[in-house]
Amino acid sequence: MQSLNKNGVSITQTPGEEKFVKCRLSAFKGQTFYQYDYRHTDMELFCTVAKTLDECRRRRDEWLAKKERSNNK
């Protein structure tokens, strides 16, 4: 199985980079999910797991919008 981590550290290291893998989680009766990492340009890492890649990206976009709002205060 592919992993987004090596020795417990995300392999998503380039600013602005996204990586994802499909995984089957036995805790959810073998359903397929996406594990998703996004490295912001400020090097903060966003991670999520969702049923679709679109959902992962929607969550990332919400995170980015919230981050932007907090930076503009």
Foldseek 3Di string as FASTA:
>chain_A
DDDQDDPRHGPQFDAQDKDKDWAQDVVVVRQIKIWMWHQHNVRDIDIDIGNDPVVVVVVVVVVVVVVVVVVVD
